Amino acid sequence: MTTATPHRRLPLLPLFLTIPTLLAAAEEPPEPAALTPLAPAAFDRAAAAHLLSRAGFSGPPREIDQLYALGLEKAVESLLEPGGPLPAEAFEGDTLELAMTDRVDRRALRTLDREERQKLMRRMRQKNRKQFQALRGRWFRRMVVTPRPLEEKMTLFWHGHFATSQRGVGNSYHMYLQNRTLRAYALGNFKGLTHAISKDPAMLKYLNNQQNRRLHPNENFARELMELFTLGVGHYTEDDIKEAARAFTGWTFRGKEFFFRHRVHDYGEKKFLGHTGDFNGEDVIDIIFAQPAASRFIARKVFVYFVHEDPSAKIVEHLAEILRSHDFEIRPLLERLFMSAEFYSATARGTQIKSPVRLVAGTLRTLEMDPGSAPVFAFICGRMGQDILLPPSVKGWDGGRSWISTSTIFHRYNFARPILGLEARRGPGEGGPAGRNLGEGGKITDALPALPQWDTESGRELLLGADSAELDPADVVDRVVRRLLLVEVSAEARRQLIDFYTLARPETRLEELIHLVISSPEYQLG
């Protein structure tokens, strides 16, 4: 009997061609302009799967079934208000050690000779790099194993919104503190989060506000506060930027805490967005949030993140009004969104290209695999264009179709092969992730731990059930597709998958089938 090679592929077009084709095919006339509620009876199992995919990172069938059994209102409530504490064993060691936050005493440094000082600083840098990678690994694991998926999904959203990078910050502990702040406000108050971020050491360092002094104002933070964080282009002037920068003079940090240097603060009168007064940074933020543009700006961005890229002006205004009426609390907005017909419409379902983190974390959640706390999966996502805690700029990631390119497509196709045991993991110097520069200013010199490995026997029972030995190829394909895909496959694609499974080598054909589905255009869309 002729068998297929392990690398056999269905005759599919490359992803960067087929995904735009699928998106174009999915485009339909827009739903009604207003956010009408979804009828409770319309919340079927497919709708529950869509909710879990968008409001989290997907999940196994039992999690979908649990949401479906709850019904629309309680399913949304369970995501917004998850009950019970986080299991301690899932986040063991979540608190990182202090590194490069308490500065070395300068007088003590002067007592050391040059070689001793260099050794000390080298040890600090090594500890900082090691701790930064630990933070990346632990956060990625948290996204996979958390019983609060929406909380982590929103933490990731805020990380892309208030984007800071270890490249500019250089302090792993400050990045850890900011990650904690984003999570604390993940489903909380946007205005409160903006106030907190304006005093966050990582943000103050990243946008150079520690250099903002009365006689030499630095406008970086003031500009991005309005352009990227709250209002958007066109809702302020260059003079507003200059006046806001004066209000933030003296805002800096010492160690891990915000510090106000009153001697370099500009106490003069400022004219900002039509208001006049001796404003400080907090006053500026309050004035910004009194502008109608602030609620519209974040309402549109949240809608695009969870639903689709083209909300109507009426929908944006409706969500903005919800924000304003609840003093910028995020939960009421998300509740309205997740219970709307628009969220479950044909315009939304199966039309959003998964970000690398969502793609990889969702795969591990669906296959019920624990990624461990090593940073290897964070590195894998980075090769696809989403390096957590290392965004490309203060703009964060563009998302959408920018996730698919000739430089990332190979990694999207093949990231699952090693964890499925279809490819031996390569070590340092052999093209694998170990020893590679991860962008934070140094290299990992020790080989990364091995990827978690798929176990064929337990995995087969997990995906196919206890009766898997009695299944014919068509049954196997149907069960794998049902677990992995949120959309129906065509009769022709189903036939090709059955043929592929039938002809593949028996010892690896299930893993090859899983990988083939994961690398399909349909799987890249959620």
Protein backbone atom coordinates (compact mmCIF):
# COMPACT_ATOMS: atom_id res chain seq x y z
CA MET A 1 0.00 0.00 0.00
CA THR A 2 1.35 3.42 -0.94
CA THR A 3 1.75 5.80 1.98
CA ALA A 4 2.10 9.55 2.09
CA THR A 5 5.20 11.31 3.30
CA PRO A 6 4.96 13.03 6.69
CA HIS A 7 5.05 16.45 4.99
CA ARG A 8 2.23 15.84 2.54
CA ARG A 9 -0.11 18.82 2.22
CA LEU A 10 -3.53 19.26 0.74
CA PRO A 11 -3.48 21.28 -2.49
CA LEU A 12 -4.35 24.52 -0.69
CA LEU A 13 -3.21 27.98 -1.74
CA PRO A 14 -0.70 29.78 0.53
CA LEU A 15 -2.31 31.42 3.54
CA PHE A 16 -1.52 34.95 2.42
CA LEU A 17 -3.70 34.29 -0.65
CA THR A 18 -6.47 32.18 0.83
CA ILE A 19 -7.17 34.19 3.99
CA PRO A 20 -8.02 37.41 2.09
CA THR A 21 -10.14 35.26 -0.22
CA LEU A 22 -12.02 33.78 2.72
CA LEU A 23 -12.47 37.22 4.26
CA ALA A 24 -13.82 38.63 1.01
CA ALA A 25 -16.22 35.72 0.69
CA ALA A 26 -17.45 36.29 4.23
CA GLU A 27 -18.28 39.95 3.65
CA GLU A 28 -22.02 40.51 3.62
CA PRO A 29 -24.28 43.53 3.88
CA PRO A 30 -23.84 45.02 7.36
CA GLU A 31 -26.14 44.12 10.20
CA PRO A 32 -28.56 46.75 11.55
CA ALA A 33 -26.69 49.85 12.68
CA ALA A 34 -27.82 49.68 16.31
CA LEU A 35 -26.52 47.06 18.74
CA THR A 36 -29.64 44.96 19.08
CA PRO A 37 -29.57 42.13 21.64
CA LEU A 38 -29.17 38.55 20.46
CA ALA A 39 -32.28 36.48 20.99
CA PRO A 40 -31.53 33.96 23.79
CA ALA A 41 -32.75 31.10 21.55
CA ALA A 42 -30.11 32.04 18.96
CA PHE A 43 -27.32 31.25 21.43
CA ASP A 44 -26.50 27.76 20.13
CA ARG A 45 -23.35 25.74 20.63
CA ALA A 46 -21.62 27.42 17.67
CA ALA A 47 -22.35 30.80 19.25
CA ALA A 48 -20.87 29.57 22.55
CA ALA A 49 -17.73 28.43 20.71
CA HIS A 50 -17.47 31.86 19.05
CA LEU A 51 -17.86 33.59 22.43
CA LEU A 52 -15.11 31.49 24.02
CA SER A 53 -12.81 32.10 21.05
CA ARG A 54 -13.21 35.87 21.05
CA ALA A 55 -13.61 36.55 24.78
CA GLY A 56 -10.73 34.20 25.59
CA PHE A 57 -8.30 31.94 23.78
CA SER A 58 -10.66 29.17 22.63
CA GLY A 59 -10.84 25.94 24.59
CA PRO A 60 -11.80 22.25 24.56
CA PRO A 61 -15.36 21.06 23.82
CA ARG A 62 -16.27 20.69 27.48
CA GLU A 63 -15.69 24.43 28.06
CA ILE A 64 -17.84 25.26 25.04
CA ASP A 65 -20.54 22.89 26.30
CA GLN A 66 -20.45 24.54 29.73
CA LEU A 67 -21.00 28.00 28.23
CA TYR A 68 -23.78 26.71 25.98
CA ALA A 69 -25.54 25.05 28.92
CA LEU A 70 -25.50 28.33 30.86
CA GLY A 71 -27.37 30.24 28.18
CA LEU A 72 -26.40 33.63 26.76
CA GLU A 73 -26.80 35.88 29.81
CA LYS A 74 -25.14 33.59 32.35
CA ALA A 75 -22.40 32.58 29.90
CA VAL A 76 -21.40 36.22 29.44
CA GLU A 77 -21.68 36.79 33.19
CA SER A 78 -19.37 33.83 33.87
CA LEU A 79 -16.68 35.42 31.70
CA LEU A 80 -17.07 38.92 33.11
CA GLU A 81 -17.38 37.83 36.74
CA PRO A 82 -15.50 34.53 37.09
CA GLY A 83 -16.08 32.93 40.45
CA GLY A 84 -13.53 31.41 42.78
CA PRO A 85 -9.84 32.16 43.38
CA LEU A 86 -7.08 31.35 40.96
CA PRO A 87 -5.55 27.93 41.69
CA ALA A 88 -2.24 28.58 43.41
CA GLU A 89 -0.56 25.63 41.73
CA ALA A 90 -1.25 27.12 38.29
CA PHE A 91 0.74 30.27 39.05
CA GLU A 92 3.47 29.07 41.35
CA GLY A 93 6.34 31.53 41.40
CA ASP A 94 4.27 34.26 39.76
CA THR A 95 5.98 36.95 41.84
CA LEU A 96 9.37 37.78 40.43
CA GLU A 97 12.38 38.81 42.45
CA LEU A 98 13.43 42.42 42.58
CA ALA A 99 15.96 43.07 39.84
CA MET A 100 17.56 46.37 38.90
CA THR A 101 14.92 48.30 40.82
CA ASP A 102 16.88 49.07 43.96
CA ARG A 103 19.89 50.83 42.49
CA VAL A 104 23.34 49.98 43.71
CA ASP A 105 24.57 52.54 46.23
CA ARG A 106 26.74 54.97 44.23
CA ARG A 107 29.09 55.55 47.19
CA ALA A 108 29.51 51.80 47.56
CA LEU A 109 30.26 51.53 43.84
CA ARG A 110 33.06 54.07 44.18
CA THR A 111 34.80 51.79 46.68
CA LEU A 112 35.09 49.07 44.01
CA ASP A 113 37.77 48.96 41.40
CA ARG A 114 36.86 48.98 37.70
CA GLU A 115 36.88 45.21 37.29
CA GLU A 116 34.67 44.64 40.34
CA ARG A 117 32.19 47.28 39.14
CA GLN A 118 32.01 45.65 35.72
CA LYS A 119 31.41 42.24 37.27
CA LEU A 120 28.64 43.60 39.47
CA MET A 121 26.89 45.35 36.59
CA ARG A 122 27.27 42.25 34.40
CA ARG A 123 25.59 40.12 37.09
CA MET A 124 22.73 42.60 37.32
CA ARG A 125 22.22 42.57 33.55
CA GLN A 126 22.26 38.77 33.46
CA LYS A 127 19.71 38.60 36.26
CA ASN A 128 17.57 41.17 34.49
CA ARG A 129 17.60 39.19 31.22
CA LYS A 130 16.82 35.93 32.97
CA GLN A 131 13.98 37.47 34.93
CA PHE A 132 12.53 39.11 31.82
CA GLN A 133 12.34 35.77 30.03
CA ALA A 134 10.75 34.21 33.13
CA LEU A 135 8.09 36.93 33.04
CA ARG A 136 7.32 36.23 29.38
CA GLY A 137 7.06 32.52 29.97
CA ARG A 138 4.86 32.83 33.04
CA TRP A 139 2.49 35.28 31.40
CA PHE A 140 2.09 33.08 28.34
CA ARG A 141 1.36 30.06 30.55
CA ARG A 142 -1.16 32.11 32.47
CA MET A 143 -3.03 32.86 29.23
CA VAL A 144 -3.25 29.14 28.50
CA VAL A 145 -4.18 27.71 31.90
CA THR A 146 -6.15 30.54 33.50
CA PRO A 147 -9.77 29.94 34.53
CA ARG A 148 -10.29 33.66 33.77
CA PRO A 149 -9.62 33.86 30.02
CA LEU A 150 -11.32 37.23 29.45
CA GLU A 151 -9.16 38.83 32.13
CA GLU A 152 -6.00 37.72 30.33
CA LYS A 153 -7.44 38.62 26.91
CA MET A 154 -8.04 42.16 28.14
CA THR A 155 -4.60 42.29 29.81
CA LEU A 156 -3.16 41.50 26.38
CA PHE A 157 -5.39 44.18 24.84
CA TRP A 158 -4.15 46.85 27.27
CA HIS A 159 -0.55 45.76 26.70
CA GLY A 160 -1.01 46.49 23.00
CA HIS A 161 -2.84 49.74 23.78
CA PHE A 162 -0.45 51.17 26.41
CA ALA A 163 2.46 49.55 24.61
CA THR A 164 5.85 49.56 26.30
CA SER A 165 8.83 47.37 25.50
CA GLN A 166 11.69 45.95 27.50
CA ARG A 167 13.96 47.34 24.78
CA GLY A 168 13.20 50.88 25.96
CA VAL A 169 12.51 50.18 29.62
CA GLY A 170 15.43 47.86 30.34
CA ASN A 171 14.03 46.77 33.69
CA SER A 172 12.28 43.43 34.01
CA TYR A 173 10.74 44.26 37.37
CA HIS A 174 9.16 47.44 36.05
CA MET A 175 7.68 45.43 33.16
CA TYR A 176 6.32 42.95 35.71
CA LEU A 177 4.74 45.74 37.75
CA GLN A 178 3.10 47.18 34.65
CA ASN A 179 1.74 43.75 33.68
CA ARG A 180 0.19 43.50 37.15
CA THR A 181 -1.37 46.95 36.77
CA LEU A 182 -2.87 46.08 33.39
CA ARG A 183 -4.38 42.91 34.86
CA ALA A 184 -5.75 44.73 37.91
CA TYR A 185 -7.62 47.13 35.61
CA ALA A 186 -8.24 44.61 32.81
CA LEU A 187 -12.02 44.59 33.28
CA GLY A 188 -12.12 47.73 35.38
CA ASN A 189 -12.07 51.46 34.73
CA PHE A 190 -10.32 52.86 31.65
CA LYS A 191 -9.94 56.31 33.17
CA GLY A 192 -8.47 54.82 36.35
CA LEU A 193 -6.06 52.72 34.28
CA THR A 194 -4.92 55.80 32.36
CA HIS A 195 -4.19 57.59 35.64
CA ALA A 196 -2.26 54.54 36.89
CA ILE A 197 -0.26 54.18 33.67
CA SER A 198 0.71 57.86 33.76
CA LYS A 199 2.55 57.10 37.03
CA ASP A 200 3.87 53.70 35.96
CA PRO A 201 7.71 53.48 36.06
CA ALA A 202 7.91 51.45 32.83
CA MET A 203 5.76 53.97 30.93
CA LEU A 204 7.55 56.98 32.40
CA LYS A 205 10.90 55.50 31.33
CA TYR A 206 9.70 54.28 27.92
CA LEU A 207 8.31 57.68 26.89
CA ASN A 208 11.10 59.68 28.55
CA ASN A 209 8.98 61.58 31.05
CA GLN A 210 11.74 61.33 33.64
CA GLN A 211 13.48 63.89 31.38
CA ASN A 212 10.47 66.24 31.44
CA ARG A 213 11.52 69.39 33.33
CA ARG A 214 10.23 72.92 33.56
CA LEU A 215 13.06 74.49 31.54
CA HIS A 216 13.33 71.58 29.08
CA PRO A 217 9.88 70.00 28.54
CA ASN A 218 9.76 66.56 26.93
CA GLU A 219 6.57 66.06 24.91
CA ASN A 220 6.76 62.30 24.23
CA PHE A 221 4.32 61.11 26.88
CA ALA A 222 1.89 64.00 26.43
CA ARG A 223 1.74 63.38 22.68
CA GLU A 224 1.15 59.63 22.90
CA LEU A 225 -1.33 60.09 25.75
CA MET A 226 -3.63 61.92 23.36
CA GLU A 227 -2.73 60.40 19.99
CA LEU A 228 -2.55 56.70 20.87
CA PHE A 229 -4.06 56.24 24.32
CA THR A 230 -7.17 58.42 24.64
CA LEU A 231 -8.30 60.77 21.85
CA GLY A 232 -6.81 59.91 18.48
CA VAL A 233 -5.42 62.22 15.82
CA GLY A 234 -7.47 65.33 15.05
CA HIS A 235 -8.86 65.94 18.52
CA TYR A 236 -6.07 68.11 19.90
CA THR A 237 -3.51 70.64 18.68
CA GLU A 238 0.26 70.94 18.89
CA ASP A 239 -0.28 73.66 21.48
CA ASP A 240 -2.32 71.18 23.56
CA ILE A 241 0.63 68.79 23.47
CA LYS A 242 3.03 71.48 24.64
CA GLU A 243 0.74 72.57 27.48
CA ALA A 244 0.09 68.97 28.56
CA ALA A 245 3.82 68.30 28.62
CA ARG A 246 4.23 71.24 31.02
CA ALA A 247 1.60 69.67 33.29
CA PHE A 248 3.59 66.41 33.46
CA THR A 249 6.92 68.05 34.31
CA GLY A 250 8.53 66.50 37.38
CA TRP A 251 6.67 63.17 37.01
CA THR A 252 9.27 60.45 37.39
CA PHE A 253 10.03 57.39 39.56
CA ARG A 254 12.44 56.17 42.18
CA GLY A 255 12.98 52.46 42.43
CA LYS A 256 9.59 50.87 41.87
CA GLU A 257 7.50 53.90 42.92
CA PHE A 258 6.19 57.03 41.25
CA PHE A 259 8.00 60.16 42.42
CA PHE A 260 7.06 63.82 41.94
CA ARG A 261 10.03 66.18 41.58
CA HIS A 262 8.30 69.38 42.62
CA ARG A 263 11.38 71.54 42.02
CA VAL A 264 11.30 70.90 38.26
CA HIS A 265 7.52 71.06 37.85
CA ASP A 266 6.03 73.95 35.88
CA TYR A 267 3.48 75.62 38.14
CA GLY A 268 2.55 78.27 35.58
CA GLU A 269 -0.86 78.77 33.98
CA LYS A 270 -1.64 76.35 31.13
CA LYS A 271 -4.24 76.43 28.36
CA PHE A 272 -5.34 72.91 27.46
CA LEU A 273 -8.29 71.79 25.31
CA GLY A 274 -10.15 75.00 26.00
CA HIS A 275 -9.46 75.06 29.74
CA THR A 276 -7.11 77.37 31.63
CA GLY A 277 -5.45 76.78 34.98
CA ASP A 278 -2.40 75.64 36.93
CA PHE A 279 -2.88 72.06 35.74
CA ASN A 280 -0.89 69.00 36.73
CA GLY A 281 -0.92 65.64 34.96
CA GLU A 282 -4.00 64.38 36.77
CA ASP A 283 -5.92 67.50 35.74
CA VAL A 284 -4.92 66.94 32.11
CA ILE A 285 -6.21 63.36 32.16
CA ASP A 286 -9.51 64.46 33.72
CA ILE A 287 -9.94 67.11 31.01
CA ILE A 288 -9.18 64.54 28.31
CA PHE A 289 -11.85 62.18 29.62
CA ALA A 290 -14.41 64.99 29.52
CA GLN A 291 -13.99 65.06 25.72
CA PRO A 292 -16.56 63.00 23.73
CA ALA A 293 -13.71 61.75 21.54
CA ALA A 294 -12.21 59.76 24.45
CA SER A 295 -15.18 57.43 24.82
CA ARG A 296 -15.55 57.00 21.04
CA PHE A 297 -11.85 56.29 20.62
CA ILE A 298 -11.67 53.40 23.07
CA ALA A 299 -15.16 52.10 22.22
CA ARG A 300 -14.16 51.65 18.59
CA LYS A 301 -10.85 50.01 19.49
CA VAL A 302 -12.50 47.49 21.85
CA PHE A 303 -15.15 46.69 19.21
CA VAL A 304 -12.48 46.02 16.55
CA TYR A 305 -10.53 43.84 18.98
CA PHE A 306 -13.48 41.58 19.75
CA VAL A 307 -15.88 41.80 16.78
CA HIS A 308 -14.80 43.07 13.34
CA GLU A 309 -12.92 45.94 11.74
CA ASP A 310 -15.78 48.06 10.41
CA PRO A 311 -18.22 49.23 13.10
CA SER A 312 -20.83 51.78 12.04
CA ALA A 313 -20.78 55.26 13.53
CA LYS A 314 -24.03 54.44 15.34
CA ILE A 315 -22.51 51.39 17.01
CA VAL A 316 -19.43 53.33 18.11
CA GLU A 317 -21.61 56.13 19.53
CA HIS A 318 -23.85 53.59 21.28
CA LEU A 319 -20.86 51.95 22.98
CA ALA A 320 -19.33 55.35 23.77
CA GLU A 321 -22.54 56.38 25.52
CA ILE A 322 -22.42 53.20 27.61
CA LEU A 323 -18.86 54.11 28.65
CA ARG A 324 -19.78 57.69 29.52
CA SER A 325 -22.86 56.69 31.49
CA HIS A 326 -20.78 54.23 33.54
CA ASP A 327 -17.84 56.62 34.06
CA PHE A 328 -15.60 54.57 31.72
CA GLU A 329 -16.13 51.19 33.38
CA ILE A 330 -15.25 48.52 30.81
CA ARG A 331 -17.48 45.67 32.06
CA PRO A 332 -20.82 47.24 30.98
CA LEU A 333 -19.43 47.85 27.50
CA LEU A 334 -18.22 44.26 27.14
CA GLU A 335 -21.48 42.88 28.50
CA ARG A 336 -23.45 44.84 25.90
CA LEU A 337 -21.06 43.74 23.17
CA PHE A 338 -21.07 40.02 24.01
CA MET A 339 -24.88 39.94 24.21
CA SER A 340 -25.44 41.75 20.91
CA ALA A 341 -26.56 40.26 17.62
CA GLU A 342 -23.66 42.08 15.94
CA PHE A 343 -21.10 40.07 17.90
CA TYR A 344 -22.57 36.80 16.60
CA SER A 345 -23.32 38.03 13.07
CA ALA A 346 -21.95 36.60 9.84
CA THR A 347 -19.85 39.76 9.55
CA ALA A 348 -18.05 38.82 12.77
CA ARG A 349 -17.80 35.01 12.76
CA GLY A 350 -14.80 33.46 11.07
CA THR A 351 -13.52 36.81 9.77
CA GLN A 352 -10.80 37.79 12.26
CA ILE A 353 -7.23 36.67 11.65
CA LYS A 354 -5.93 35.24 14.90
CA SER A 355 -3.02 37.06 16.45
CA PRO A 356 0.05 34.86 17.05
CA VAL A 357 -0.61 34.73 20.82
CA ARG A 358 -4.24 33.83 20.26
CA LEU A 359 -3.26 31.23 17.65
CA VAL A 360 -0.66 29.46 19.79
CA ALA A 361 -2.37 29.82 23.18
CA GLY A 362 -5.69 28.76 21.68
CA THR A 363 -4.12 25.66 20.15
CA LEU A 364 -2.62 24.61 23.46
CA ARG A 365 -5.91 25.25 25.28
CA THR A 366 -7.86 23.27 22.70
CA LEU A 367 -5.41 20.35 22.85
CA GLU A 368 -5.34 20.70 26.67
CA MET A 369 -1.56 20.98 26.82
CA ASP A 370 0.26 22.88 29.55
CA PRO A 371 3.00 25.03 27.96
CA GLY A 372 5.14 25.21 31.09
CA SER A 373 6.75 28.43 32.27
CA ALA A 374 9.69 28.55 29.86
CA PRO A 375 9.63 31.46 27.37
CA VAL A 376 9.81 29.23 24.30
CA PHE A 377 6.18 29.86 23.24
CA ALA A 378 6.60 33.59 23.71
CA PHE A 379 9.56 33.31 21.35
CA ILE A 380 7.50 31.30 18.84
CA CYS A 381 4.83 34.02 18.85
CA GLY A 382 7.56 36.58 18.32
CA ARG A 383 8.65 34.83 15.13
CA MET A 384 5.07 35.26 13.90
CA GLY A 385 5.16 38.98 14.65
CA GLN A 386 3.81 39.31 18.22
CA ASP A 387 6.62 39.45 20.76
CA ILE A 388 4.90 39.95 24.11
CA LEU A 389 6.53 42.64 26.25
CA LEU A 390 8.53 43.59 23.13
CA PRO A 391 6.03 45.40 20.87
CA PRO A 392 7.56 47.06 17.79
CA SER A 393 6.69 50.61 18.91
CA VAL A 394 4.46 52.64 21.21
CA LYS A 395 1.68 51.98 18.66
CA GLY A 396 1.68 48.31 19.63
CA TRP A 397 0.74 45.85 16.90
CA ASP A 398 -1.37 46.78 13.87
CA GLY A 399 -3.17 43.41 13.91
CA GLY A 400 -5.63 42.28 11.27
CA ARG A 401 -4.13 41.38 7.91
CA SER A 402 -0.70 42.56 9.04
CA TRP A 403 -0.36 39.24 10.92
CA ILE A 404 -0.01 37.45 7.57
CA SER A 405 3.16 38.12 5.57
CA THR A 406 5.84 36.23 3.68
CA SER A 407 8.12 36.54 6.73
CA THR A 408 5.61 35.05 9.20
CA ILE A 409 3.61 32.57 7.12
CA PHE A 410 6.08 29.69 7.46
CA HIS A 411 5.99 29.93 11.24
CA ARG A 412 2.18 30.04 11.31
CA TYR A 413 2.11 26.91 9.15
CA ASN A 414 4.57 24.93 11.21
CA PHE A 415 4.56 26.04 14.85
CA ALA A 416 2.54 22.97 15.90
CA ARG A 417 4.80 20.34 14.30
CA PRO A 418 7.29 20.13 17.19
CA ILE A 419 4.67 19.88 19.93
CA LEU A 420 2.91 17.14 17.96
CA GLY A 421 6.16 15.18 17.80
CA LEU A 422 6.48 15.56 14.03
CA GLU A 423 9.82 17.31 14.12
CA ALA A 424 12.80 16.90 16.41
CA ARG A 425 13.46 20.05 18.36
CA ARG A 426 16.72 21.65 17.42
CA GLY A 427 19.22 22.87 19.96
CA PRO A 428 21.62 25.82 20.18
CA GLY A 429 23.42 26.60 16.94
CA GLU A 430 21.05 24.44 14.91
CA GLY A 431 18.47 27.04 14.02
CA GLY A 432 16.30 26.44 17.07
CA PRO A 433 15.18 29.09 19.52
CA ALA A 434 17.87 28.45 22.12
CA GLY A 435 20.72 30.92 22.12
CA ARG A 436 18.89 33.30 19.79
CA ASN A 437 18.71 37.03 20.52
CA LEU A 438 15.20 37.64 21.84
CA GLY A 439 15.42 41.38 21.46
CA GLU A 440 15.72 42.48 25.08
CA GLY A 441 19.37 43.40 24.78
CA GLY A 442 20.99 40.03 25.38
CA LYS A 443 20.97 36.35 24.58
CA ILE A 444 19.77 33.28 26.38
CA THR A 445 22.89 31.20 26.70
CA ASP A 446 21.29 28.07 28.11
CA ALA A 447 19.18 25.80 25.94
CA LEU A 448 15.47 26.30 26.47
CA PRO A 449 13.58 23.37 27.98
CA ALA A 450 12.02 20.97 25.52
CA LEU A 451 8.57 21.81 24.21
CA PRO A 452 5.69 19.94 25.83
CA GLN A 453 5.11 16.81 23.84
CA TRP A 454 1.83 15.46 22.54
CA ASP A 455 1.19 11.93 23.79
CA THR A 456 -0.43 9.89 21.03
CA GLU A 457 -2.35 7.49 23.27
CA SER A 458 -3.85 10.01 25.70
CA GLY A 459 -4.23 12.56 22.93
CA ARG A 460 -6.14 10.15 20.73
CA GLU A 461 -8.59 9.41 23.52
CA LEU A 462 -8.89 13.12 24.30
CA LEU A 463 -9.72 14.09 20.72
CA LEU A 464 -11.55 11.01 19.51
CA GLY A 465 -13.04 9.40 22.63
CA ALA A 466 -12.72 6.00 24.25
CA ASP A 467 -14.09 4.28 21.13
CA SER A 468 -11.36 5.66 18.88
CA ALA A 469 -10.13 2.20 17.82
CA GLU A 470 -13.50 1.53 16.20
CA LEU A 471 -13.67 4.76 14.20
CA ASP A 472 -13.34 4.84 10.45
CA PRO A 473 -11.33 7.65 8.75
CA ALA A 474 -14.45 9.77 8.17
CA ASP A 475 -15.34 9.66 11.88
CA VAL A 476 -11.78 10.59 12.86
CA VAL A 477 -11.78 13.58 10.51
CA ASP A 478 -15.18 14.76 11.73
CA ARG A 479 -14.15 14.65 15.39
CA VAL A 480 -10.83 16.42 14.80
CA VAL A 481 -12.49 19.13 12.71
CA ARG A 482 -15.24 19.58 15.28
CA ARG A 483 -12.70 20.18 18.04
CA LEU A 484 -10.35 22.45 16.11
CA LEU A 485 -12.49 24.53 13.75
CA LEU A 486 -15.23 27.04 14.45
CA VAL A 487 -16.45 26.97 10.86
CA GLU A 488 -17.87 24.20 8.69
CA VAL A 489 -15.60 22.65 6.07
CA SER A 490 -16.78 22.05 2.55
CA ALA A 491 -17.62 18.57 1.33
CA GLU A 492 -14.57 18.68 -0.94
CA ALA A 493 -12.21 19.71 1.88
CA ARG A 494 -13.66 16.98 4.10
CA ARG A 495 -13.07 14.40 1.36
CA GLN A 496 -9.47 15.53 0.96
CA LEU A 497 -8.88 15.28 4.71
CA ILE A 498 -10.28 11.75 4.75
CA ASP A 499 -8.03 10.76 1.83
CA PHE A 500 -5.04 12.30 3.56
CA TYR A 501 -5.69 10.43 6.81
CA THR A 502 -6.29 7.15 4.98
CA LEU A 503 -3.01 7.31 3.06
CA ALA A 504 -0.75 8.69 5.82
CA ARG A 505 1.59 6.52 7.87
CA PRO A 506 -0.41 4.89 10.69
CA GLU A 507 2.09 5.83 13.40
CA THR A 508 1.81 9.57 12.73
CA ARG A 509 -1.37 10.06 10.73
CA LEU A 510 -3.44 11.49 13.58
CA GLU A 511 -0.76 14.08 14.38
CA GLU A 512 -0.37 14.87 10.66
CA LEU A 513 -4.12 15.36 10.36
CA ILE A 514 -4.18 17.69 13.37
CA HIS A 515 -1.28 19.68 11.98
CA LEU A 516 -2.89 19.91 8.56
CA VAL A 517 -6.09 21.33 10.05
CA ILE A 518 -4.13 23.76 12.26
CA SER A 519 -2.19 25.02 9.24
CA SER A 520 -5.35 25.51 7.17
CA PRO A 521 -6.68 29.00 6.34
CA GLU A 522 -9.91 28.22 8.20
CA TYR A 523 -8.00 27.64 11.45
CA GLN A 524 -6.15 30.95 11.10
CA LEU A 525 -9.52 32.73 11.22
CA GLY A 526 -11.54 32.92 14.39
